[in-house]
Amino acid sequence: MALLPIITAPDPRLKQKCKSVEAVDAEIVQLMDDMLETMYDAPGIGLAAPQVGALKRVIVVDVAREAEPPSPLCLANPEIIWESENTKSYEEGCLSVPEQYDTVVRPDRIKVRYLDRENKRQEIETDGLLAVVLQHEIDHLNGVLFVDYLSSLKRNMILRRVRKMKKPGVDA
């Protein structure tokens, strides 16, 4: 496994739509493993392939709390096949938009179809934090960041702070 560099906004690669994975082979499993190691090191609870420069439809998530054993999910070609009409507000952050948080409204419950590490088609229906993280990471595969759900004023303020943080010797 290897730690991968995490791309931060406003990098144009984060706005590109990712290509589907033909099959979960050894290369994709290696990407998933590297992404998990990178996500845990960051630390984060979700990571999408474009955040590490791979324009492939691959995400990893683990919403286990600190006292719980790790419970990673690795998904290739995830797609939301159902979402509830009920919505819920959550404060979201993103490893590609470091140290910035804001409230996003999303469907409270979703069903996702995907390929697992063994290249088997799976479905998961979930709510709460896992539903939020899955939607957030799937958005990355479509070139959408959580700040894209905010008003242009809020989005521009956040992106300005991130740009400022990127400059050498500048504290946010």
N, C-alpha and C. Protein backbone atom coordinates (compact mmCIF):
# COMPACT_ATOMS: atom_id res chain seq x y z
N MET A 1 0.85 -1.18 0.00
CA MET A 1 0.00 0.00 0.00
C MET A 1 0.89 1.24 0.00
N ALA A 2 0.30 2.34 -0.45
CA ALA A 2 1.06 3.58 -0.55
C ALA A 2 0.16 4.77 -0.25
N LEU A 3 0.77 5.76 0.40
CA LEU A 3 0.05 7.01 0.62
C LEU A 3 0.09 7.81 -0.69
N LEU A 4 -1.07 8.32 -1.06
CA LEU A 4 -1.19 9.10 -2.29
C LEU A 4 -1.41 10.57 -1.94
N PRO A 5 -0.88 11.49 -2.76
CA PRO A 5 -1.14 12.92 -2.50
C PRO A 5 -2.60 13.25 -2.79
N ILE A 6 -3.20 14.03 -1.89
CA ILE A 6 -4.60 14.45 -2.05
C ILE A 6 -4.63 15.81 -2.75
N ILE A 7 -5.36 15.86 -3.85
CA ILE A 7 -5.51 17.08 -4.64
C ILE A 7 -6.48 18.02 -3.92
N THR A 8 -6.15 19.30 -3.88
CA THR A 8 -7.06 20.26 -3.25
C THR A 8 -7.61 21.25 -4.28
N ALA A 9 -8.81 21.74 -3.96
CA ALA A 9 -9.49 22.73 -4.80
C ALA A 9 -8.62 23.98 -4.87
N PRO A 10 -8.68 24.70 -5.95
CA PRO A 10 -9.57 24.57 -7.10
C PRO A 10 -8.97 23.80 -8.27
N ASP A 11 -8.23 22.73 -8.03
CA ASP A 11 -7.60 21.94 -9.09
C ASP A 11 -8.65 21.48 -10.10
N PRO A 12 -8.43 21.71 -11.41
CA PRO A 12 -9.43 21.36 -12.43
C PRO A 12 -9.74 19.86 -12.51
N ARG A 13 -8.84 18.99 -12.05
CA ARG A 13 -9.11 17.55 -12.07
C ARG A 13 -10.30 17.18 -11.19
N LEU A 14 -10.56 18.01 -10.17
CA LEU A 14 -11.68 17.73 -9.27
C LEU A 14 -13.03 18.03 -9.93
N LYS A 15 -13.02 18.71 -11.05
CA LYS A 15 -14.27 19.07 -11.73
C LYS A 15 -14.56 18.17 -12.93
N GLN A 16 -13.72 17.16 -13.15
CA GLN A 16 -13.90 16.27 -14.29
C GLN A 16 -14.76 15.07 -13.92
N LYS A 17 -15.49 14.57 -14.90
CA LYS A 17 -16.32 13.38 -14.71
C LYS A 17 -15.42 12.16 -14.92
N CYS A 18 -15.53 11.19 -14.02
CA CYS A 18 -14.68 10.00 -14.06
C CYS A 18 -15.23 8.93 -14.99
N LYS A 19 -14.31 8.10 -15.47
CA LYS A 19 -14.66 6.99 -16.36
C LYS A 19 -15.02 5.75 -15.53
N SER A 20 -15.99 4.98 -16.04
CA SER A 20 -16.37 3.73 -15.38
C SER A 20 -15.20 2.75 -15.40
N VAL A 21 -15.19 1.88 -14.41
CA VAL A 21 -14.21 0.81 -14.32
C VAL A 21 -14.78 -0.39 -15.07
N GLU A 22 -14.00 -0.98 -15.97
CA GLU A 22 -14.49 -2.14 -16.72
C GLU A 22 -14.68 -3.34 -15.82
N ALA A 23 -13.73 -3.56 -14.91
CA ALA A 23 -13.81 -4.66 -13.96
C ALA A 23 -12.91 -4.33 -12.78
N VAL A 24 -13.24 -4.87 -11.62
CA VAL A 24 -12.38 -4.69 -10.45
C VAL A 24 -11.31 -5.77 -10.54
N ASP A 25 -10.14 -5.35 -11.04
CA ASP A 25 -9.00 -6.25 -11.21
C ASP A 25 -7.94 -5.89 -10.17
N ALA A 26 -6.77 -6.48 -10.29
CA ALA A 26 -5.69 -6.25 -9.32
C ALA A 26 -5.30 -4.77 -9.25
N GLU A 27 -5.32 -4.08 -10.38
CA GLU A 27 -4.96 -2.65 -10.40
C GLU A 27 -5.98 -1.81 -9.61
N ILE A 28 -7.25 -2.12 -9.77
CA ILE A 28 -8.30 -1.37 -9.06
C ILE A 28 -8.26 -1.71 -7.56
N VAL A 29 -8.03 -2.97 -7.22
CA VAL A 29 -7.92 -3.35 -5.81
C VAL A 29 -6.74 -2.61 -5.17
N GLN A 30 -5.62 -2.51 -5.90
CA GLN A 30 -4.46 -1.78 -5.38
C GLN A 30 -4.80 -0.30 -5.17
N LEU A 31 -5.53 0.29 -6.13
CA LEU A 31 -5.98 1.68 -5.98
C LEU A 31 -6.85 1.81 -4.73
N MET A 32 -7.80 0.89 -4.55
CA MET A 32 -8.68 0.92 -3.37
C MET A 32 -7.86 0.84 -2.08
N ASP A 33 -6.88 -0.07 -2.04
CA ASP A 33 -6.03 -0.21 -0.84
C ASP A 33 -5.24 1.06 -0.57
N ASP A 34 -4.65 1.63 -1.62
CA ASP A 34 -3.89 2.88 -1.47
C ASP A 34 -4.79 4.02 -1.02
N MET A 35 -6.01 4.07 -1.57
CA MET A 35 -6.96 5.11 -1.18
C MET A 35 -7.37 4.95 0.29
N LEU A 36 -7.58 3.72 0.74
CA LEU A 36 -7.92 3.50 2.16
C LEU A 36 -6.80 3.97 3.06
N GLU A 37 -5.57 3.60 2.72
CA GLU A 37 -4.44 4.02 3.54
C GLU A 37 -4.34 5.55 3.58
N THR A 38 -4.53 6.18 2.44
CA THR A 38 -4.48 7.64 2.34
C THR A 38 -5.59 8.28 3.16
N MET A 39 -6.81 7.72 3.06
CA MET A 39 -7.97 8.25 3.79
C MET A 39 -7.75 8.14 5.30
N TYR A 40 -7.29 6.98 5.76
CA TYR A 40 -7.06 6.80 7.20
C TYR A 40 -5.97 7.73 7.70
N ASP A 41 -4.93 7.94 6.90
CA ASP A 41 -3.82 8.80 7.29
C ASP A 41 -4.22 10.27 7.36
N ALA A 42 -5.18 10.69 6.54
CA ALA A 42 -5.52 12.11 6.38
C ALA A 42 -5.91 12.85 7.68
N PRO A 43 -6.73 12.44 8.59
CA PRO A 43 -7.68 11.33 8.53
C PRO A 43 -9.01 11.80 7.94
N GLY A 44 -9.70 10.85 7.30
CA GLY A 44 -11.00 11.15 6.72
C GLY A 44 -11.90 9.93 6.81
N ILE A 45 -13.15 10.09 6.34
CA ILE A 45 -14.12 8.99 6.39
C ILE A 45 -14.59 8.61 4.98
N GLY A 46 -14.05 9.28 3.96
CA GLY A 46 -14.39 8.96 2.59
C GLY A 46 -13.35 9.57 1.66
N LEU A 47 -13.14 8.89 0.53
CA LEU A 47 -12.19 9.40 -0.46
C LEU A 47 -12.60 8.86 -1.82
N ALA A 48 -12.55 9.73 -2.82
CA ALA A 48 -12.88 9.35 -4.20
C ALA A 48 -11.60 9.40 -5.03
N ALA A 49 -11.52 8.51 -6.03
CA ALA A 49 -10.32 8.40 -6.86
C ALA A 49 -9.85 9.73 -7.46
N PRO A 50 -10.75 10.61 -7.94
CA PRO A 50 -10.24 11.86 -8.50
C PRO A 50 -9.49 12.73 -7.48
N GLN A 51 -9.75 12.51 -6.20
CA GLN A 51 -9.06 13.28 -5.17
C GLN A 51 -7.58 12.90 -5.07
N VAL A 52 -7.24 11.74 -5.64
CA VAL A 52 -5.84 11.32 -5.66
C VAL A 52 -5.32 11.24 -7.10
N GLY A 53 -6.02 11.91 -8.01
CA GLY A 53 -5.56 12.04 -9.38
C GLY A 53 -5.95 10.91 -10.33
N ALA A 54 -6.78 9.97 -9.88
CA ALA A 54 -7.21 8.88 -10.75
C ALA A 54 -8.65 9.15 -11.18
N LEU A 55 -8.86 9.37 -12.47
CA LEU A 55 -10.20 9.71 -12.96
C LEU A 55 -11.01 8.44 -13.23
N LYS A 56 -11.16 7.63 -12.19
CA LYS A 56 -11.90 6.36 -12.26
C LYS A 56 -13.03 6.40 -11.24
N ARG A 57 -14.11 5.69 -11.53
CA ARG A 57 -15.28 5.67 -10.66
C ARG A 57 -15.06 4.69 -9.51
N VAL A 58 -14.22 5.12 -8.56
CA VAL A 58 -13.87 4.32 -7.39
C VAL A 58 -13.92 5.21 -6.16
N ILE A 59 -14.57 4.70 -5.10
CA ILE A 59 -14.60 5.42 -3.83
C ILE A 59 -14.34 4.43 -2.69
N VAL A 60 -13.84 4.96 -1.58
CA VAL A 60 -13.70 4.19 -0.35
C VAL A 60 -14.30 5.00 0.79
N VAL A 61 -14.94 4.32 1.73
CA VAL A 61 -15.52 4.99 2.89
C VAL A 61 -15.36 4.11 4.12
N ASP A 62 -15.32 4.75 5.28
CA ASP A 62 -15.34 4.04 6.56
C ASP A 62 -15.85 5.02 7.60
N VAL A 63 -17.08 4.80 8.04
CA VAL A 63 -17.69 5.71 9.02
C VAL A 63 -17.64 5.15 10.44
N ALA A 64 -16.82 4.11 10.67
CA ALA A 64 -16.68 3.55 12.02
C ALA A 64 -16.10 4.63 12.94
N ARG A 65 -16.62 4.69 14.15
CA ARG A 65 -16.11 5.64 15.14
C ARG A 65 -14.76 5.16 15.65
N GLU A 66 -14.03 6.06 16.33
CA GLU A 66 -12.68 5.73 16.79
C GLU A 66 -12.62 4.47 17.64
N ALA A 67 -13.59 4.26 18.52
CA ALA A 67 -13.57 3.11 19.44
C ALA A 67 -13.99 1.81 18.74
N GLU A 68 -14.51 1.92 17.52
CA GLU A 68 -14.99 0.74 16.79
C GLU A 68 -13.90 0.22 15.86
N PRO A 69 -13.94 -1.08 15.53
CA PRO A 69 -12.98 -1.60 14.55
C PRO A 69 -13.26 -0.99 13.17
N PRO A 70 -12.24 -0.85 12.33
CA PRO A 70 -12.46 -0.31 10.99
C PRO A 70 -13.50 -1.14 10.23
N SER A 71 -14.30 -0.45 9.42
CA SER A 71 -15.34 -1.11 8.63
C SER A 71 -15.35 -0.50 7.22
N PRO A 72 -14.25 -0.71 6.47
CA PRO A 72 -14.14 -0.05 5.17
C PRO A 72 -15.07 -0.64 4.12
N LEU A 73 -15.57 0.24 3.27
CA LEU A 73 -16.35 -0.13 2.08
C LEU A 73 -15.58 0.37 0.87
N CYS A 74 -15.38 -0.51 -0.11
CA CYS A 74 -14.71 -0.13 -1.35
C CYS A 74 -15.72 -0.34 -2.48
N LEU A 75 -15.97 0.72 -3.25
CA LEU A 75 -17.01 0.65 -4.28
C LEU A 75 -16.45 1.12 -5.63
N ALA A 76 -16.69 0.32 -6.66
CA ALA A 76 -16.37 0.72 -8.02
C ALA A 76 -17.69 0.95 -8.76
N ASN A 77 -17.73 1.94 -9.60
CA ASN A 77 -18.92 2.30 -10.37
C ASN A 77 -20.17 2.47 -9.50
N PRO A 78 -20.05 3.15 -8.36
CA PRO A 78 -21.24 3.31 -7.52
C PRO A 78 -22.26 4.21 -8.21
N GLU A 79 -23.52 3.83 -8.09
CA GLU A 79 -24.58 4.68 -8.63
C GLU A 79 -25.76 4.65 -7.67
N ILE A 80 -26.34 5.81 -7.46
CA ILE A 80 -27.52 5.90 -6.60
C ILE A 80 -28.71 5.48 -7.45
N ILE A 81 -29.38 4.40 -7.01
CA ILE A 81 -30.51 3.89 -7.79
C ILE A 81 -31.84 4.25 -7.14
N TRP A 82 -31.81 4.79 -5.92
CA TRP A 82 -33.01 5.25 -5.26
C TRP A 82 -32.61 6.23 -4.17
N GLU A 83 -33.43 7.26 -3.98
CA GLU A 83 -33.22 8.18 -2.86
C GLU A 83 -34.56 8.57 -2.28
N SER A 84 -34.58 8.78 -0.97
CA SER A 84 -35.82 9.15 -0.29
C SER A 84 -36.20 10.58 -0.62
N GLU A 85 -37.48 10.88 -0.48
CA GLU A 85 -37.92 12.26 -0.64
C GLU A 85 -37.54 13.09 0.57
N ASN A 86 -37.43 12.44 1.74
CA ASN A 86 -37.02 13.13 2.96
C ASN A 86 -35.57 13.55 2.85
N THR A 87 -35.30 14.77 3.30
CA THR A 87 -33.93 15.27 3.27
C THR A 87 -33.46 15.57 4.69
N LYS A 88 -32.16 15.72 4.80
CA LYS A 88 -31.58 16.06 6.10
C LYS A 88 -30.37 16.95 5.85
N SER A 89 -30.13 17.86 6.77
CA SER A 89 -28.97 18.75 6.69
C SER A 89 -27.81 18.15 7.48
N TYR A 90 -26.64 18.20 6.88
CA TYR A 90 -25.43 17.72 7.55
C TYR A 90 -24.32 18.73 7.32
N GLU A 91 -23.46 18.88 8.32
CA GLU A 91 -22.28 19.70 8.13
C GLU A 91 -21.23 18.83 7.46
N GLU A 92 -20.79 19.24 6.27
CA GLU A 92 -19.83 18.45 5.51
C GLU A 92 -18.50 19.18 5.41
N GLY A 93 -17.47 18.37 5.28
CA GLY A 93 -16.12 18.84 5.00
C GLY A 93 -15.56 17.95 3.91
N CYS A 94 -14.35 18.22 3.49
CA CYS A 94 -13.77 17.45 2.39
C CYS A 94 -12.26 17.54 2.46
N LEU A 95 -11.58 16.40 2.25
CA LEU A 95 -10.12 16.40 2.25
C LEU A 95 -9.55 17.26 1.13
N SER A 96 -10.32 17.48 0.07
CA SER A 96 -9.87 18.33 -1.04
C SER A 96 -10.23 19.81 -0.84
N VAL A 97 -10.96 20.09 0.23
CA VAL A 97 -11.29 21.46 0.61
C VAL A 97 -10.95 21.56 2.11
N PRO A 98 -9.63 21.48 2.43
CA PRO A 98 -9.21 21.29 3.81
C PRO A 98 -9.66 22.38 4.77
N GLU A 99 -10.07 21.90 5.95
CA GLU A 99 -10.43 22.75 7.09
C GLU A 99 -11.63 23.66 6.84
N GLN A 100 -12.46 23.32 5.85
CA GLN A 100 -13.64 24.12 5.53
C GLN A 100 -14.88 23.23 5.68
N TYR A 101 -15.92 23.78 6.30
CA TYR A 101 -17.14 23.01 6.56
C TYR A 101 -18.35 23.89 6.32
N ASP A 102 -19.43 23.27 5.86
CA ASP A 102 -20.70 23.98 5.75
C ASP A 102 -21.82 22.97 5.63
N THR A 103 -23.03 23.45 5.79
CA THR A 103 -24.22 22.59 5.80
C THR A 103 -24.71 22.33 4.38
N VAL A 104 -24.97 21.04 4.11
CA VAL A 104 -25.49 20.61 2.82
C VAL A 104 -26.75 19.78 3.09
N VAL A 105 -27.78 20.00 2.27
CA VAL A 105 -29.02 19.23 2.40
C VAL A 105 -29.00 18.14 1.34
N ARG A 106 -29.22 16.90 1.79
CA ARG A 106 -29.21 15.75 0.89
C ARG A 106 -30.36 14.81 1.25
N PRO A 107 -30.71 13.89 0.33
CA PRO A 107 -31.69 12.85 0.69
C PRO A 107 -31.21 12.09 1.92
N ASP A 108 -32.13 11.77 2.82
CA ASP A 108 -31.78 11.13 4.08
C ASP A 108 -31.45 9.65 3.90
N ARG A 109 -32.07 9.00 2.93
CA ARG A 109 -31.89 7.56 2.73
C ARG A 109 -31.64 7.30 1.24
N ILE A 110 -30.69 6.40 0.93
CA ILE A 110 -30.37 6.09 -0.46
C ILE A 110 -30.13 4.59 -0.63
N LYS A 111 -30.21 4.17 -1.88
CA LYS A 111 -29.80 2.82 -2.26
C LYS A 111 -28.76 2.96 -3.36
N VAL A 112 -27.62 2.26 -3.19
CA VAL A 112 -26.50 2.37 -4.11
C VAL A 112 -26.16 0.99 -4.67
N ARG A 113 -25.95 0.94 -5.98
CA ARG A 113 -25.48 -0.27 -6.65
C ARG A 113 -24.01 -0.05 -7.02
N TYR A 114 -23.18 -1.10 -6.85
CA TYR A 114 -21.75 -0.96 -7.11
C TYR A 114 -21.10 -2.32 -7.32
N LEU A 115 -19.83 -2.30 -7.72
CA LEU A 115 -19.01 -3.50 -7.77
C LEU A 115 -18.09 -3.50 -6.55
N ASP A 116 -18.00 -4.64 -5.87
CA ASP A 116 -17.13 -4.73 -4.69
C ASP A 116 -15.71 -5.14 -5.09
N ARG A 117 -14.87 -5.37 -4.10
CA ARG A 117 -13.46 -5.73 -4.34
C ARG A 117 -13.30 -7.03 -5.13
N GLU A 118 -14.32 -7.89 -5.10
CA GLU A 118 -14.27 -9.16 -5.82
C GLU A 118 -14.96 -9.07 -7.18
N ASN A 119 -15.29 -7.84 -7.61
CA ASN A 119 -15.96 -7.58 -8.88
C ASN A 119 -17.39 -8.14 -8.90
N LYS A 120 -18.01 -8.25 -7.74
CA LYS A 120 -19.39 -8.72 -7.64
C LYS A 120 -20.32 -7.52 -7.48
N ARG A 121 -21.45 -7.58 -8.19
CA ARG A 121 -22.44 -6.50 -8.09
C ARG A 121 -23.11 -6.59 -6.71
N GLN A 122 -23.19 -5.44 -6.04
CA GLN A 122 -23.79 -5.36 -4.71
C GLN A 122 -24.75 -4.17 -4.67
N GLU A 123 -25.63 -4.19 -3.69
CA GLU A 123 -26.49 -3.04 -3.41
C GLU A 123 -26.48 -2.82 -1.91
N ILE A 124 -26.54 -1.55 -1.53
CA ILE A 124 -26.63 -1.20 -0.12
C ILE A 124 -27.68 -0.11 0.02
N GLU A 125 -28.56 -0.27 1.00
CA GLU A 125 -29.52 0.78 1.32
C GLU A 125 -29.15 1.29 2.70
N THR A 126 -29.02 2.61 2.82
CA THR A 126 -28.52 3.16 4.07
C THR A 126 -29.05 4.56 4.31
N ASP A 127 -28.85 5.03 5.54
CA ASP A 127 -29.24 6.39 5.90
C ASP A 127 -28.16 6.97 6.80
N GLY A 128 -28.43 8.14 7.36
CA GLY A 128 -27.49 8.76 8.29
C GLY A 128 -26.16 9.11 7.66
N LEU A 129 -25.11 9.00 8.47
CA LEU A 129 -23.79 9.43 8.04
C LEU A 129 -23.29 8.66 6.81
N LEU A 130 -23.51 7.35 6.77
CA LEU A 130 -23.05 6.57 5.62
C LEU A 130 -23.71 7.05 4.33
N ALA A 131 -25.00 7.36 4.38
CA ALA A 131 -25.69 7.87 3.19
C ALA A 131 -25.08 9.20 2.74
N VAL A 132 -24.77 10.07 3.69
CA VAL A 132 -24.17 11.36 3.36
C VAL A 132 -22.81 11.17 2.70
N VAL A 133 -21.98 10.31 3.31
CA VAL A 133 -20.62 10.11 2.79
C VAL A 133 -20.67 9.49 1.39
N LEU A 134 -21.54 8.51 1.20
CA LEU A 134 -21.66 7.91 -0.13
C LEU A 134 -22.07 8.94 -1.18
N GLN A 135 -23.06 9.78 -0.85
CA GLN A 135 -23.49 10.81 -1.81
C GLN A 135 -22.37 11.80 -2.09
N HIS A 136 -21.66 12.20 -1.04
CA HIS A 136 -20.55 13.15 -1.17
C HIS A 136 -19.47 12.58 -2.09
N GLU A 137 -19.10 11.32 -1.87
CA GLU A 137 -18.03 10.71 -2.68
C GLU A 137 -18.48 10.44 -4.11
N ILE A 138 -19.72 10.01 -4.30
CA ILE A 138 -20.25 9.80 -5.65
C ILE A 138 -20.28 11.13 -6.40
N ASP A 139 -20.60 12.22 -5.70
CA ASP A 139 -20.54 13.55 -6.33
C ASP A 139 -19.15 13.81 -6.92
N HIS A 140 -18.09 13.44 -6.17
CA HIS A 140 -16.73 13.65 -6.67
C HIS A 140 -16.53 12.99 -8.03
N LEU A 141 -17.13 11.80 -8.22
CA LEU A 141 -16.97 11.07 -9.48
C LEU A 141 -17.61 11.80 -10.64
N ASN A 142 -18.52 12.73 -10.32
CA ASN A 142 -19.21 13.53 -11.34
C ASN A 142 -18.70 14.96 -11.40
N GLY A 143 -17.56 15.22 -10.75
CA GLY A 143 -16.97 16.55 -10.78
C GLY A 143 -17.67 17.57 -9.91
N VAL A 144 -18.37 17.09 -8.87
CA VAL A 144 -19.12 17.98 -7.98
C VAL A 144 -18.49 17.97 -6.58
N LEU A 145 -18.24 19.15 -6.04
CA LEU A 145 -17.74 19.30 -4.66
C LEU A 145 -18.88 19.75 -3.76
N PHE A 146 -18.75 19.50 -2.46
CA PHE A 146 -19.82 19.91 -1.55
C PHE A 146 -20.05 21.41 -1.60
N VAL A 147 -19.03 22.19 -1.91
CA VAL A 147 -19.20 23.65 -1.98
C VAL A 147 -20.08 24.06 -3.15
N ASP A 148 -20.27 23.16 -4.13
CA ASP A 148 -21.13 23.47 -5.26
C ASP A 148 -22.60 23.54 -4.85
N TYR A 149 -22.94 23.04 -3.68
CA TYR A 149 -24.31 23.11 -3.16
C TYR A 149 -24.56 24.41 -2.40
N LEU A 150 -23.52 25.18 -2.18
CA LEU A 150 -23.63 26.42 -1.39
C LEU A 150 -23.89 27.61 -2.30
N SER A 151 -24.27 28.72 -1.70
CA SER A 151 -24.44 29.94 -2.47
C SER A 151 -23.09 30.33 -3.06
N SER A 152 -23.11 31.08 -4.14
CA SER A 152 -21.84 31.47 -4.78
C SER A 152 -20.99 32.30 -3.81
N LEU A 153 -21.62 33.09 -2.97
CA LEU A 153 -20.87 33.89 -1.99
C LEU A 153 -20.10 32.98 -1.03
N LYS A 154 -20.80 32.00 -0.43
CA LYS A 154 -20.14 31.08 0.50
C LYS A 154 -19.07 30.26 -0.20
N ARG A 155 -19.40 29.74 -1.39
CA ARG A 155 -18.45 28.91 -2.14
C ARG A 155 -17.17 29.70 -2.43
N ASN A 156 -17.32 30.95 -2.91
CA ASN A 156 -16.15 31.76 -3.24
C ASN A 156 -15.31 32.08 -2.01
N MET A 157 -15.97 32.32 -0.87
CA MET A 157 -15.24 32.59 0.37
C MET A 157 -14.41 31.38 0.78
N ILE A 158 -15.01 30.19 0.71
CA ILE A 158 -14.31 28.96 1.09
C ILE A 158 -13.14 28.70 0.15
N LEU A 159 -13.37 28.82 -1.15
CA LEU A 159 -12.30 28.55 -2.12
C LEU A 159 -11.17 29.58 -2.00
N ARG A 160 -11.51 30.80 -1.65
CA ARG A 160 -10.49 31.83 -1.44
C ARG A 160 -9.60 31.45 -0.24
N ARG A 161 -10.24 30.95 0.84
CA ARG A 161 -9.48 30.52 2.02
C ARG A 161 -8.56 29.34 1.68
N VAL A 162 -9.07 28.40 0.87
CA VAL A 162 -8.26 27.23 0.50
C VAL A 162 -7.06 27.67 -0.35
N ARG A 163 -7.28 28.58 -1.30
CA ARG A 163 -6.18 29.09 -2.13
C ARG A 163 -5.12 29.76 -1.26
N LYS A 164 -5.59 30.52 -0.28
CA LYS A 164 -4.69 31.23 0.62
C LYS A 164 -3.84 30.23 1.43
N MET A 165 -4.48 29.13 1.85
CA MET A 165 -3.78 28.09 2.62
C MET A 165 -2.71 27.41 1.77
N LYS A 166 -2.90 27.34 0.46
CA LYS A 166 -1.96 26.66 -0.44
C LYS A 166 -0.68 27.45 -0.62
N LYS A 167 -0.75 28.76 -0.42
CA LYS A 167 0.42 29.60 -0.64
C LYS A 167 1.46 29.30 0.43
N PRO A 168 2.73 29.13 0.05
CA PRO A 168 3.77 28.83 1.01
C PRO A 168 3.90 29.92 2.06
N GLY A 169 4.02 29.51 3.33
CA GLY A 169 4.24 30.46 4.41
C GLY A 169 3.03 31.24 4.84
N VAL A 170 1.84 30.88 4.39
CA VAL A 170 0.62 31.61 4.75
C VAL A 170 -0.22 30.73 5.65
N ASP A 171 -0.57 31.23 6.82
CA ASP A 171 -1.47 30.52 7.71
C ASP A 171 -2.87 31.04 7.48
N ALA A 172 -3.84 30.12 7.46
CA ALA A 172 -5.24 30.51 7.22
C ALA A 172 -5.82 31.17 8.44
